[in-house]
Amino acid sequence: RFLPLEASLGERGRPYAPISLDVEGVATLTGPNMGGKSAALRTCGFLA
């Protein structure tokens, strides 16, 4: 979980969806707009 986003959504009464990931070396992430790709990047950086 990326805590700043989780807190922001909580203040608006919206649910937060945790994610799971396993990156060894390099990886790409594709998907729709507003699908949480940037949030996934920030989650990686936050946990690290």
ModelCIF file with pLDDT and N, C-alpha, C, O atoms, coordinates in Angstrom:
data_MODEL
#
_entry.id   MODEL 
#
_entity.id                         1 
_entity.type                       polymer 
_entity.pdbx_number_of_molecules   1 
#
_entity_poly.entity_id                      1 
_entity_poly.type                           'polypeptide(L)' 
_entity_poly.nstd_linkage                   no 
_entity_poly.nstd_monomer                   no 
_entity_poly.pdbx_seq_one_letter_code       RFLPLEASLGERGRPYAPISLDVEGVATLTGPNMGGKSAALRTCGFLA 
_entity_poly.pdbx_seq_one_letter_code_can   RFLPLEASLGERGRPYAPISLDVEGVATLTGPNMGGKSAALRTCGFLA 
_entity_poly.pdbx_strand_id                 A 
#
loop_
_entity_poly_seq.entity_id 
_entity_poly_seq.num 
_entity_poly_seq.mon_id 
_entity_poly_seq.hetero 
1 1  ARG n 
1 2  PHE n 
1 3  LEU n 
1 4  PRO n 
1 5  LEU n 
1 6  GLU n 
1 7  ALA n 
1 8  SER n 
1 9  LEU n 
1 10 GLY n 
1 11 GLU n 
1 12 ARG n 
1 13 GLY n 
1 14 ARG n 
1 15 PRO n 
1 16 TYR n 
1 17 ALA n 
1 18 PRO n 
1 19 ILE n 
1 20 SER n 
1 21 LEU n 
1 22 ASP n 
1 23 VAL n 
1 24 GLU n 
1 25 GLY n 
1 26 VAL n 
1 27 ALA n 
1 28 THR n 
1 29 LEU n 
1 30 THR n 
1 31 GLY n 
1 32 PRO n 
1 33 ASN n 
1 34 MET n 
1 35 GLY n 
1 36 GLY n 
1 37 LYS n 
1 38 SER n 
1 39 ALA n 
1 40 ALA n 
1 41 LEU n 
1 42 ARG n 
1 43 THR n 
1 44 CYS n 
1 45 GLY n 
1 46 PHE n 
1 47 LEU n 
1 48 ALA n 
#
_struct_asym.id          A 
_struct_asym.entity_id   1 
#
loop_
_ma_qa_metric.id 
_ma_qa_metric.mode 
_ma_qa_metric.name 
_ma_qa_metric.software_group_id 
_ma_qa_metric.type 
1 global pLDDT . pLDDT 
2 local  pLDDT . pLDDT 
#
_ma_qa_metric_global.metric_id      1 
_ma_qa_metric_global.metric_value   93.12 
_ma_qa_metric_global.model_id       1 
_ma_qa_metric_global.ordinal_id     1 
#
loop_
_ma_qa_metric_local.label_asym_id 
_ma_qa_metric_local.label_comp_id 
_ma_qa_metric_local.label_seq_id 
_ma_qa_metric_local.metric_id 
_ma_qa_metric_local.metric_value 
_ma_qa_metric_local.model_id 
_ma_qa_metric_local.ordinal_id 
A ARG 1  2 97.00 1 1  
A PHE 2  2 97.00 1 2  
A LEU 3  2 96.00 1 3  
A PRO 4  2 95.00 1 4  
A LEU 5  2 95.00 1 5  
A GLU 6  2 95.00 1 6  
A ALA 7  2 94.00 1 7  
A SER 8  2 93.00 1 8  
A LEU 9  2 91.00 1 9  
A GLY 10 2 91.00 1 10 
A GLU 11 2 92.00 1 11 
A ARG 12 2 87.00 1 12 
A GLY 13 2 87.00 1 13 
A ARG 14 2 88.00 1 14 
A PRO 15 2 90.00 1 15 
A TYR 16 2 92.00 1 16 
A ALA 17 2 93.00 1 17 
A PRO 18 2 96.00 1 18 
A ILE 19 2 95.00 1 19 
A SER 20 2 96.00 1 20 
A LEU 21 2 96.00 1 21 
A ASP 22 2 96.00 1 22 
A VAL 23 2 95.00 1 23 
A GLU 24 2 93.00 1 24 
A GLY 25 2 93.00 1 25 
A VAL 26 2 96.00 1 26 
A ALA 27 2 95.00 1 27 
A THR 28 2 95.00 1 28 
A LEU 29 2 94.00 1 29 
A THR 30 2 92.00 1 30 
A GLY 31 2 87.00 1 31 
A PRO 32 2 85.00 1 32 
A ASN 33 2 83.00 1 33 
A MET 34 2 85.00 1 34 
A GLY 35 2 86.00 1 35 
A GLY 36 2 90.00 1 36 
A LYS 37 2 92.00 1 37 
A SER 38 2 93.00 1 38 
A ALA 39 2 94.00 1 39 
A ALA 40 2 96.00 1 40 
A LEU 41 2 96.00 1 41 
A ARG 42 2 96.00 1 42 
A THR 43 2 97.00 1 43 
A CYS 44 2 97.00 1 44 
A GLY 45 2 97.00 1 45 
A PHE 46 2 97.00 1 46 
A LEU 47 2 97.00 1 47 
A ALA 48 2 97.00 1 48 
#
loop_
_atom_site.group_PDB 
_atom_site.id 
_atom_site.type_symbol 
_atom_site.label_atom_id 
_atom_site.label_alt_id 
_atom_site.label_comp_id 
_atom_site.label_asym_id 
_atom_site.label_entity_id 
_atom_site.label_seq_id 
_atom_site.pdbx_PDB_ins_code 
_atom_site.Cartn_x 
_atom_site.Cartn_y 
_atom_site.Cartn_z 
_atom_site.occupancy 
_atom_site.B_iso_or_equiv 
_atom_site.pdbx_formal_charge 
_atom_site.auth_seq_id 
_atom_site.auth_comp_id 
_atom_site.auth_asym_id 
_atom_site.auth_atom_id 
_atom_site.pdbx_PDB_model_num 
ATOM 1   N N  . ARG A 1 1  ? 0.834   -1.197 0.000   1.00 97.00 ? 1  ARG A N  1 
ATOM 2   C CA . ARG A 1 1  ? 0.000   0.000  0.000   1.00 97.00 ? 1  ARG A CA 1 
ATOM 3   C C  . ARG A 1 1  ? 0.872   1.251  0.000   1.00 97.00 ? 1  ARG A C  1 
ATOM 4   O O  . ARG A 1 1  ? 1.875   1.331  0.709   1.00 97.00 ? 1  ARG A O  1 
ATOM 5   N N  . PHE A 1 2  ? 0.464   2.230  -0.816  1.00 97.00 ? 2  PHE A N  1 
ATOM 6   C CA . PHE A 1 2  ? 1.094   3.552  -0.832  1.00 97.00 ? 2  PHE A CA 1 
ATOM 7   C C  . PHE A 1 2  ? 0.292   4.427  0.122   1.00 97.00 ? 2  PHE A C  1 
ATOM 8   O O  . PHE A 1 2  ? -0.788  4.906  -0.223  1.00 97.00 ? 2  PHE A O  1 
ATOM 9   N N  . LEU A 1 3  ? 0.823   4.632  1.317   1.00 96.00 ? 3  LEU A N  1 
ATOM 10  C CA . LEU A 1 3  ? 0.037   5.214  2.410   1.00 96.00 ? 3  LEU A CA 1 
ATOM 11  C C  . LEU A 1 3  ? -0.518  6.600  2.111   1.00 96.00 ? 3  LEU A C  1 
ATOM 12  O O  . LEU A 1 3  ? -1.669  6.857  2.466   1.00 96.00 ? 3  LEU A O  1 
ATOM 13  N N  . PRO A 1 4  ? 0.229   7.520  1.477   1.00 95.00 ? 4  PRO A N  1 
ATOM 14  C CA . PRO A 1 4  ? -0.379  8.835  1.202   1.00 95.00 ? 4  PRO A CA 1 
ATOM 15  C C  . PRO A 1 4  ? -1.637  8.735  0.342   1.00 95.00 ? 4  PRO A C  1 
ATOM 16  O O  . PRO A 1 4  ? -2.619  9.434  0.596   1.00 95.00 ? 4  PRO A O  1 
ATOM 17  N N  . LEU A 1 5  ? -1.614  7.866  -0.677  1.00 95.00 ? 5  LEU A N  1 
ATOM 18  C CA . LEU A 1 5  ? -2.803  7.708  -1.526  1.00 95.00 ? 5  LEU A CA 1 
ATOM 19  C C  . LEU A 1 5  ? -3.922  7.032  -0.753  1.00 95.00 ? 5  LEU A C  1 
ATOM 20  O O  . LEU A 1 5  ? -5.085  7.416  -0.880  1.00 95.00 ? 5  LEU A O  1 
ATOM 21  N N  . GLU A 1 6  ? -3.581  6.021  0.054   1.00 95.00 ? 6  GLU A N  1 
ATOM 22  C CA . GLU A 1 6  ? -4.592  5.351  0.862   1.00 95.00 ? 6  GLU A CA 1 
ATOM 23  C C  . GLU A 1 6  ? -5.281  6.345  1.798   1.00 95.00 ? 6  GLU A C  1 
ATOM 24  O O  . GLU A 1 6  ? -6.502  6.317  1.948   1.00 95.00 ? 6  GLU A O  1 
ATOM 25  N N  . ALA A 1 7  ? -4.495  7.224  2.426   1.00 94.00 ? 7  ALA A N  1 
ATOM 26  C CA . ALA A 1 7  ? -5.079  8.216  3.328   1.00 94.00 ? 7  ALA A CA 1 
ATOM 27  C C  . ALA A 1 7  ? -5.953  9.203  2.573   1.00 94.00 ? 7  ALA A C  1 
ATOM 28  O O  . ALA A 1 7  ? -7.028  9.570  3.047   1.00 94.00 ? 7  ALA A O  1 
ATOM 29  N N  . SER A 1 8  ? -5.497  9.639  1.390   1.00 93.00 ? 8  SER A N  1 
ATOM 30  C CA . SER A 1 8  ? -6.267  10.602 0.601   1.00 93.00 ? 8  SER A CA 1 
ATOM 31  C C  . SER A 1 8  ? -7.596  10.013 0.164   1.00 93.00 ? 8  SER A C  1 
ATOM 32  O O  . SER A 1 8  ? -8.625  10.685 0.236   1.00 93.00 ? 8  SER A O  1 
ATOM 33  N N  . LEU A 1 9  ? -7.589  8.769  -0.287  1.00 91.00 ? 9  LEU A N  1 
ATOM 34  C CA . LEU A 1 9  ? -8.842  8.126  -0.688  1.00 91.00 ? 9  LEU A CA 1 
ATOM 35  C C  . LEU A 1 9  ? -9.758  7.928  0.517   1.00 91.00 ? 9  LEU A C  1 
ATOM 36  O O  . LEU A 1 9  ? -10.972 8.107  0.422   1.00 91.00 ? 9  LEU A O  1 
ATOM 37  N N  . GLY A 1 10 ? -9.160  7.555  1.656   1.00 91.00 ? 10 GLY A N  1 
ATOM 38  C CA . GLY A 1 10 ? -9.959  7.366  2.861   1.00 91.00 ? 10 GLY A CA 1 
ATOM 39  C C  . GLY A 1 10 ? -10.683 8.621  3.276   1.00 91.00 ? 10 GLY A C  1 
ATOM 40  O O  . GLY A 1 10 ? -11.825 8.557  3.729   1.00 91.00 ? 10 GLY A O  1 
ATOM 41  N N  . GLU A 1 11 ? -10.032 9.777  3.129   1.00 92.00 ? 11 GLU A N  1 
ATOM 42  C CA . GLU A 1 11 ? -10.673 11.047 3.472   1.00 92.00 ? 11 GLU A CA 1 
ATOM 43  C C  . GLU A 1 11 ? -11.881 11.325 2.590   1.00 92.00 ? 11 GLU A C  1 
ATOM 44  O O  . GLU A 1 11 ? -12.804 12.032 2.994   1.00 92.00 ? 11 GLU A O  1 
ATOM 45  N N  . ARG A 1 12 ? -11.870 10.763 1.375   1.00 87.00 ? 12 ARG A N  1 
ATOM 46  C CA . ARG A 1 12 ? -12.982 10.972 0.442   1.00 87.00 ? 12 ARG A CA 1 
ATOM 47  C C  . ARG A 1 12 ? -13.992 9.821  0.477   1.00 87.00 ? 12 ARG A C  1 
ATOM 48  O O  . ARG A 1 12 ? -14.940 9.792  -0.308  1.00 87.00 ? 12 ARG A O  1 
ATOM 49  N N  . GLY A 1 13 ? -13.779 8.876  1.394   1.00 87.00 ? 13 GLY A N  1 
ATOM 50  C CA . GLY A 1 13 ? -14.702 7.759  1.518   1.00 87.00 ? 13 GLY A CA 1 
ATOM 51  C C  . GLY A 1 13 ? -14.598 6.751  0.396   1.00 87.00 ? 13 GLY A C  1 
ATOM 52  O O  . GLY A 1 13 ? -15.546 6.007  0.145   1.00 87.00 ? 13 GLY A O  1 
ATOM 53  N N  . ARG A 1 14 ? -13.461 6.710  -0.287  1.00 88.00 ? 14 ARG A N  1 
ATOM 54  C CA . ARG A 1 14 ? -13.283 5.797  -1.403  1.00 88.00 ? 14 ARG A CA 1 
ATOM 55  C C  . ARG A 1 14 ? -12.345 4.665  -1.003  1.00 88.00 ? 14 ARG A C  1 
ATOM 56  O O  . ARG A 1 14 ? -11.414 4.881  -0.227  1.00 88.00 ? 14 ARG A O  1 
ATOM 57  N N  . PRO A 1 15 ? -12.578 3.457  -1.524  1.00 90.00 ? 15 PRO A N  1 
ATOM 58  C CA . PRO A 1 15 ? -11.738 2.315  -1.137  1.00 90.00 ? 15 PRO A CA 1 
ATOM 59  C C  . PRO A 1 15 ? -10.363 2.380  -1.781  1.00 90.00 ? 15 PRO A C  1 
ATOM 60  O O  . PRO A 1 15 ? -10.167 3.027  -2.810  1.00 90.00 ? 15 PRO A O  1 
ATOM 61  N N  . TYR A 1 16 ? -9.421  1.699  -1.156  1.00 92.00 ? 16 TYR A N  1 
ATOM 62  C CA . TYR A 1 16 ? -8.060  1.621  -1.686  1.00 92.00 ? 16 TYR A CA 1 
ATOM 63  C C  . TYR A 1 16 ? -7.771  0.169  -2.046  1.00 92.00 ? 16 TYR A C  1 
ATOM 64  O O  . TYR A 1 16 ? -8.100  -0.735 -1.278  1.00 92.00 ? 16 TYR A O  1 
ATOM 65  N N  . ALA A 1 17 ? -7.164  -0.060 -3.196  1.00 93.00 ? 17 ALA A N  1 
ATOM 66  C CA . ALA A 1 17 ? -6.865  -1.415 -3.659  1.00 93.00 ? 17 ALA A CA 1 
ATOM 67  C C  . ALA A 1 17 ? -5.368  -1.674 -3.548  1.00 93.00 ? 17 ALA A C  1 
ATOM 68  O O  . ALA A 1 17 ? -4.603  -1.120 -4.337  1.00 93.00 ? 17 ALA A O  1 
ATOM 69  N N  . PRO A 1 18 ? -4.918  -2.498 -2.594  1.00 96.00 ? 18 PRO A N  1 
ATOM 70  C CA . PRO A 1 18 ? -3.499  -2.860 -2.521  1.00 96.00 ? 18 PRO A CA 1 
ATOM 71  C C  . PRO A 1 18 ? -3.089  -3.639 -3.780  1.00 96.00 ? 18 PRO A C  1 
ATOM 72  O O  . PRO A 1 18 ? -3.934  -4.199 -4.477  1.00 96.00 ? 18 PRO A O  1 
ATOM 73  N N  . ILE A 1 19 ? -1.805  -3.663 -4.051  1.00 95.00 ? 19 ILE A N  1 
ATOM 74  C CA . ILE A 1 19 ? -1.314  -4.386 -5.228  1.00 95.00 ? 19 ILE A CA 1 
ATOM 75  C C  . ILE A 1 19 ? -0.187  -5.319 -4.818  1.00 95.00 ? 19 ILE A C  1 
ATOM 76  O O  . ILE A 1 19 ? 0.422   -5.161 -3.760  1.00 95.00 ? 19 ILE A O  1 
ATOM 77  N N  . SER A 1 20 ? 0.079   -6.301 -5.686  1.00 96.00 ? 20 SER A N  1 
ATOM 78  C CA . SER A 1 20 ? 1.183   -7.237 -5.481  1.00 96.00 ? 20 SER A CA 1 
ATOM 79  C C  . SER A 1 20 ? 2.073   -7.195 -6.712  1.00 96.00 ? 20 SER A C  1 
ATOM 80  O O  . SER A 1 20 ? 1.590   -7.015 -7.830  1.00 96.00 ? 20 SER A O  1 
ATOM 81  N N  . LEU A 1 21 ? 3.377   -7.363 -6.504  1.00 96.00 ? 21 LEU A N  1 
ATOM 82  C CA . LEU A 1 21 ? 4.326   -7.219 -7.602  1.00 96.00 ? 21 LEU A CA 1 
ATOM 83  C C  . LEU A 1 21 ? 5.606   -7.964 -7.252  1.00 96.00 ? 21 LEU A C  1 
ATOM 84  O O  . LEU A 1 21 ? 5.944   -8.111 -6.078  1.00 96.00 ? 21 LEU A O  1 
ATOM 85  N N  . ASP A 1 22 ? 6.312   -8.431 -8.265  1.00 96.00 ? 22 ASP A N  1 
ATOM 86  C CA . ASP A 1 22 ? 7.593   -9.106 -8.059  1.00 96.00 ? 22 ASP A CA 1 
ATOM 87  C C  . ASP A 1 22 ? 8.501   -8.719 -9.218  1.00 96.00 ? 22 ASP A C  1 
ATOM 88  O O  . ASP A 1 22 ? 8.337   -9.207 -10.336 1.00 96.00 ? 22 ASP A O  1 
ATOM 89  N N  . VAL A 1 23 ? 9.458   -7.840 -8.945  1.00 95.00 ? 23 VAL A N  1 
ATOM 90  C CA . VAL A 1 23 ? 10.364  -7.351 -9.987  1.00 95.00 ? 23 VAL A CA 1 
ATOM 91  C C  . VAL A 1 23 ? 11.782  -7.754 -9.636  1.00 95.00 ? 23 VAL A C  1 
ATOM 92  O O  . VAL A 1 23 ? 12.331  -7.333 -8.617  1.00 95.00 ? 23 VAL A O  1 
ATOM 93  N N  . GLU A 1 24 ? 12.358  -8.563 -10.482 1.00 93.00 ? 24 GLU A N  1 
ATOM 94  C CA . GLU A 1 24 ? 13.769  -8.956 -10.373 1.00 93.00 ? 24 GLU A CA 1 
ATOM 95  C C  . GLU A 1 24 ? 14.439  -8.453 -11.634 1.00 93.00 ? 24 GLU A C  1 
ATOM 96  O O  . GLU A 1 24 ? 14.180  -8.977 -12.717 1.00 93.00 ? 24 GLU A O  1 
ATOM 97  N N  . GLY A 1 25 ? 15.291  -7.456 -11.521 1.00 93.00 ? 25 GLY A N  1 
ATOM 98  C CA . GLY A 1 25 ? 15.863  -6.847 -12.718 1.00 93.00 ? 25 GLY A CA 1 
ATOM 99  C C  . GLY A 1 25 ? 14.964  -5.749 -13.229 1.00 93.00 ? 25 GLY A C  1 
ATOM 100 O O  . GLY A 1 25 ? 14.631  -4.826 -12.485 1.00 93.00 ? 25 GLY A O  1 
ATOM 101 N N  . VAL A 1 26 ? 14.549  -5.831 -14.526 1.00 96.00 ? 26 VAL A N  1 
ATOM 102 C CA . VAL A 1 26 ? 13.734  -4.772 -15.114 1.00 96.00 ? 26 VAL A CA 1 
ATOM 103 C C  . VAL A 1 26 ? 12.387  -5.344 -15.536 1.00 96.00 ? 26 VAL A C  1 
ATOM 104 O O  . VAL A 1 26 ? 12.273  -6.518 -15.887 1.00 96.00 ? 26 VAL A O  1 
ATOM 105 N N  . ALA A 1 27 ? 11.362  -4.483 -15.495 1.00 95.00 ? 27 ALA A N  1 
ATOM 106 C CA . ALA A 1 27 ? 10.010  -4.897 -15.851 1.00 95.00 ? 27 ALA A CA 1 
ATOM 107 C C  . ALA A 1 27 ? 9.279   -3.707 -16.441 1.00 95.00 ? 27 ALA A C  1 
ATOM 108 O O  . ALA A 1 27 ? 9.624   -2.554 -16.181 1.00 95.00 ? 27 ALA A O  1 
ATOM 109 N N  . THR A 1 28 ? 8.262   -4.005 -17.241 1.00 95.00 ? 28 THR A N  1 
ATOM 110 C CA . THR A 1 28 ? 7.390   -2.972 -17.771 1.00 95.00 ? 28 THR A CA 1 
ATOM 111 C C  . THR A 1 28 ? 6.000   -3.152 -17.177 1.00 95.00 ? 28 THR A C  1 
ATOM 112 O O  . THR A 1 28 ? 5.627   -4.242 -16.742 1.00 95.00 ? 28 THR A O  1 
ATOM 113 N N  . LEU A 1 29 ? 5.246   -2.063 -17.168 1.00 94.00 ? 29 LEU A N  1 
ATOM 114 C CA . LEU A 1 29 ? 3.890   -2.064 -16.637 1.00 94.00 ? 29 LEU A CA 1 
ATOM 115 C C  . LEU A 1 29 ? 3.004   -1.328 -17.620 1.00 94.00 ? 29 LEU A C  1 
ATOM 116 O O  . LEU A 1 29 ? 3.194   -0.137 -17.870 1.00 94.00 ? 29 LEU A O  1 
ATOM 117 N N  . THR A 1 30 ? 2.034   -2.038 -18.177 1.00 92.00 ? 30 THR A N  1 
ATOM 118 C CA . THR A 1 30 ? 1.104   -1.429 -19.112 1.00 92.00 ? 30 THR A CA 1 
ATOM 119 C C  . THR A 1 30 ? -0.298  -1.473 -18.518 1.00 92.00 ? 30 THR A C  1 
ATOM 120 O O  . THR A 1 30 ? -0.537  -2.107 -17.490 1.00 92.00 ? 30 THR A O  1 
ATOM 121 N N  . GLY A 1 31 ? -1.228  -0.778 -19.194 1.00 87.00 ? 31 GLY A N  1 
ATOM 122 C CA . GLY A 1 31 ? -2.600  -0.774 -18.712 1.00 87.00 ? 31 GLY A CA 1 
ATOM 123 C C  . GLY A 1 31 ? -3.306  0.500  -19.078 1.00 87.00 ? 31 GLY A C  1 
ATOM 124 O O  . GLY A 1 31 ? -2.706  1.395  -19.674 1.00 87.00 ? 31 GLY A O  1 
ATOM 125 N N  . PRO A 1 32 ? -4.581  0.602  -18.730 1.00 85.00 ? 32 PRO A N  1 
ATOM 126 C CA . PRO A 1 32 ? -5.383  1.757  -19.135 1.00 85.00 ? 32 PRO A CA 1 
ATOM 127 C C  . PRO A 1 32 ? -4.993  3.019  -18.368 1.00 85.00 ? 32 PRO A C  1 
ATOM 128 O O  . PRO A 1 32 ? -4.370  2.966  -17.307 1.00 85.00 ? 32 PRO A O  1 
ATOM 129 N N  . ASN A 1 33 ? -5.384  4.149  -18.944 1.00 83.00 ? 33 ASN A N  1 
ATOM 130 C CA . ASN A 1 33 ? -5.294  5.395  -18.195 1.00 83.00 ? 33 ASN A CA 1 
ATOM 131 C C  . ASN A 1 33 ? -6.121  5.272  -16.927 1.00 83.00 ? 33 ASN A C  1 
ATOM 132 O O  . ASN A 1 33 ? -7.163  4.618  -16.906 1.00 83.00 ? 33 ASN A O  1 
ATOM 133 N N  . MET A 1 34 ? -5.636  5.915  -15.865 1.00 85.00 ? 34 MET A N  1 
ATOM 134 C CA . MET A 1 34 ? -6.316  5.907  -14.566 1.00 85.00 ? 34 MET A CA 1 
ATOM 135 C C  . MET A 1 34 ? -6.400  4.502  -13.977 1.00 85.00 ? 34 MET A C  1 
ATOM 136 O O  . MET A 1 34 ? -7.218  4.237  -13.095 1.00 85.00 ? 34 MET A O  1 
ATOM 137 N N  . GLY A 1 35 ? -5.549  3.607  -14.471 1.00 86.00 ? 35 GLY A N  1 
ATOM 138 C CA . GLY A 1 35 ? -5.548  2.243  -13.955 1.00 86.00 ? 35 GLY A CA 1 
ATOM 139 C C  . GLY A 1 35 ? -4.599  2.030  -12.800 1.00 86.00 ? 35 GLY A C  1 
ATOM 140 O O  . GLY A 1 35 ? -4.506  0.918  -12.280 1.00 86.00 ? 35 GLY A O  1 
ATOM 141 N N  . GLY A 1 36 ? -3.888  3.071  -12.383 1.00 90.00 ? 36 GLY A N  1 
ATOM 142 C CA . GLY A 1 36 ? -3.026  2.953  -11.210 1.00 90.00 ? 36 GLY A CA 1 
ATOM 143 C C  . GLY A 1 36 ? -1.576  2.634  -11.519 1.00 90.00 ? 36 GLY A C  1 
ATOM 144 O O  . GLY A 1 36 ? -0.847  2.172  -10.641 1.00 90.00 ? 36 GLY A O  1 
ATOM 145 N N  . LYS A 1 37 ? -1.136  2.873  -12.770 1.00 92.00 ? 37 LYS A N  1 
ATOM 146 C CA . LYS A 1 37 ? 0.272   2.571  -13.091 1.00 92.00 ? 37 LYS A CA 1 
ATOM 147 C C  . LYS A 1 37 ? 1.220   3.469  -12.293 1.00 92.00 ? 37 LYS A C  1 
ATOM 148 O O  . LYS A 1 37 ? 2.190   2.988  -11.708 1.00 92.00 ? 37 LYS A O  1 
ATOM 149 N N  . SER A 1 38 ? 0.933   4.789  -12.271 1.00 93.00 ? 38 SER A N  1 
ATOM 150 C CA . SER A 1 38 ? 1.794   5.697  -11.499 1.00 93.00 ? 38 SER A CA 1 
ATOM 151 C C  . SER A 1 38 ? 1.733   5.371  -10.014 1.00 93.00 ? 38 SER A C  1 
ATOM 152 O O  . SER A 1 38 ? 2.743   5.451  -9.314  1.00 93.00 ? 38 SER A O  1 
ATOM 153 N N  . ALA A 1 39 ? 0.539   5.001  -9.530  1.00 94.00 ? 39 ALA A N  1 
ATOM 154 C CA . ALA A 1 39 ? 0.412   4.614  -8.119  1.00 94.00 ? 39 ALA A CA 1 
ATOM 155 C C  . ALA A 1 39 ? 1.227   3.367  -7.816  1.00 94.00 ? 39 ALA A C  1 
ATOM 156 O O  . ALA A 1 39 ? 1.786   3.241  -6.727  1.00 94.00 ? 39 ALA A O  1 
ATOM 157 N N  . ALA A 1 40 ? 1.300   2.434  -8.779  1.00 96.00 ? 40 ALA A N  1 
ATOM 158 C CA . ALA A 1 40 ? 2.117   1.234  -8.581  1.00 96.00 ? 40 ALA A CA 1 
ATOM 159 C C  . ALA A 1 40 ? 3.595   1.594  -8.474  1.00 96.00 ? 40 ALA A C  1 
ATOM 160 O O  . ALA A 1 40 ? 4.315   1.045  -7.640  1.00 96.00 ? 40 ALA A O  1 
ATOM 161 N N  . LEU A 1 41 ? 4.043   2.519  -9.323  1.00 96.00 ? 41 LEU A N  1 
ATOM 162 C CA . LEU A 1 41 ? 5.435   2.978  -9.230  1.00 96.00 ? 41 LEU A CA 1 
ATOM 163 C C  . LEU A 1 41 ? 5.707   3.607  -7.870  1.00 96.00 ? 41 LEU A C  1 
ATOM 164 O O  . LEU A 1 41 ? 6.723   3.324  -7.236  1.00 96.00 ? 41 LEU A O  1 
ATOM 165 N N  . ARG A 1 42 ? 4.795   4.459  -7.431  1.00 96.00 ? 42 ARG A N  1 
ATOM 166 C CA . ARG A 1 42 ? 4.996   5.132  -6.144  1.00 96.00 ? 42 ARG A CA 1 
ATOM 167 C C  . ARG A 1 42 ? 4.943   4.140  -4.992  1.00 96.00 ? 42 ARG A C  1 
ATOM 168 O O  . ARG A 1 42 ? 5.637   4.315  -3.991  1.00 96.00 ? 42 ARG A O  1 
ATOM 169 N N  . THR A 1 43 ? 4.133   3.108  -5.125  1.00 97.00 ? 43 THR A N  1 
ATOM 170 C CA . THR A 1 43 ? 4.101   2.075  -4.084  1.00 97.00 ? 43 THR A CA 1 
ATOM 171 C C  . THR A 1 43 ? 5.454   1.405  -3.967  1.00 97.00 ? 43 THR A C  1 
ATOM 172 O O  . THR A 1 43 ? 5.953   1.191  -2.862  1.00 97.00 ? 43 THR A O  1 
ATOM 173 N N  . CYS A 1 44 ? 6.057   1.067  -5.115  1.00 97.00 ? 44 CYS A N  1 
ATOM 174 C CA . CYS A 1 44 ? 7.402   0.467  -5.088  1.00 97.00 ? 44 CYS A CA 1 
ATOM 175 C C  . CYS A 1 44 ? 8.399   1.400  -4.401  1.00 97.00 ? 44 CYS A C  1 
ATOM 176 O O  . CYS A 1 44 ? 9.159   0.976  -3.531  1.00 97.00 ? 44 CYS A O  1 
ATOM 177 N N  . GLY A 1 45 ? 8.389   2.672  -4.799  1.00 97.00 ? 45 GLY A N  1 
ATOM 178 C CA . GLY A 1 45 ? 9.332   3.616  -4.205  1.00 97.00 ? 45 GLY A CA 1 
ATOM 179 C C  . GLY A 1 45 ? 9.088   3.820  -2.726  1.00 97.00 ? 45 GLY A C  1 
ATOM 180 O O  . GLY A 1 45 ? 10.034  3.941  -1.948  1.00 97.00 ? 45 GLY A O  1 
ATOM 181 N N  . PHE A 1 46 ? 7.814   3.860  -2.327  1.00 97.00 ? 46 PHE A N  1 
ATOM 182 C CA . PHE A 1 46 ? 7.485   4.076  -0.920  1.00 97.00 ? 46 PHE A CA 1 
ATOM 183 C C  . PHE A 1 46 ? 7.944   2.907  -0.060  1.00 97.00 ? 46 PHE A C  1 
ATOM 184 O O  . PHE A 1 46 ? 8.534   3.108  1.001   1.00 97.00 ? 46 PHE A O  1 
ATOM 185 N N  . LEU A 1 47 ? 7.675   1.686  -0.512  1.00 97.00 ? 47 LEU A N  1 
ATOM 186 C CA . LEU A 1 47 ? 8.084   0.523  0.278   1.00 97.00 ? 47 LEU A CA 1 
ATOM 187 C C  . LEU A 1 47 ? 9.600   0.421  0.344   1.00 97.00 ? 47 LEU A C  1 
ATOM 188 O O  . LEU A 1 47 ? 10.152  0.068  1.386   1.00 97.00 ? 47 LEU A O  1 
ATOM 189 N N  . ALA A 1 48 ? 10.282  0.726  -0.762  1.00 97.00 ? 48 ALA A N  1 
ATOM 190 C CA . ALA A 1 48 ? 11.744  0.705  -0.745  1.00 97.00 ? 48 ALA A CA 1 
ATOM 191 C C  . ALA A 1 48 ? 12.296  1.770  0.199   1.00 97.00 ? 48 ALA A C  1 
ATOM 192 O O  . ALA A 1 48 ? 13.512  1.899  0.342   1.00 97.00 ? 48 ALA A O  1 
#
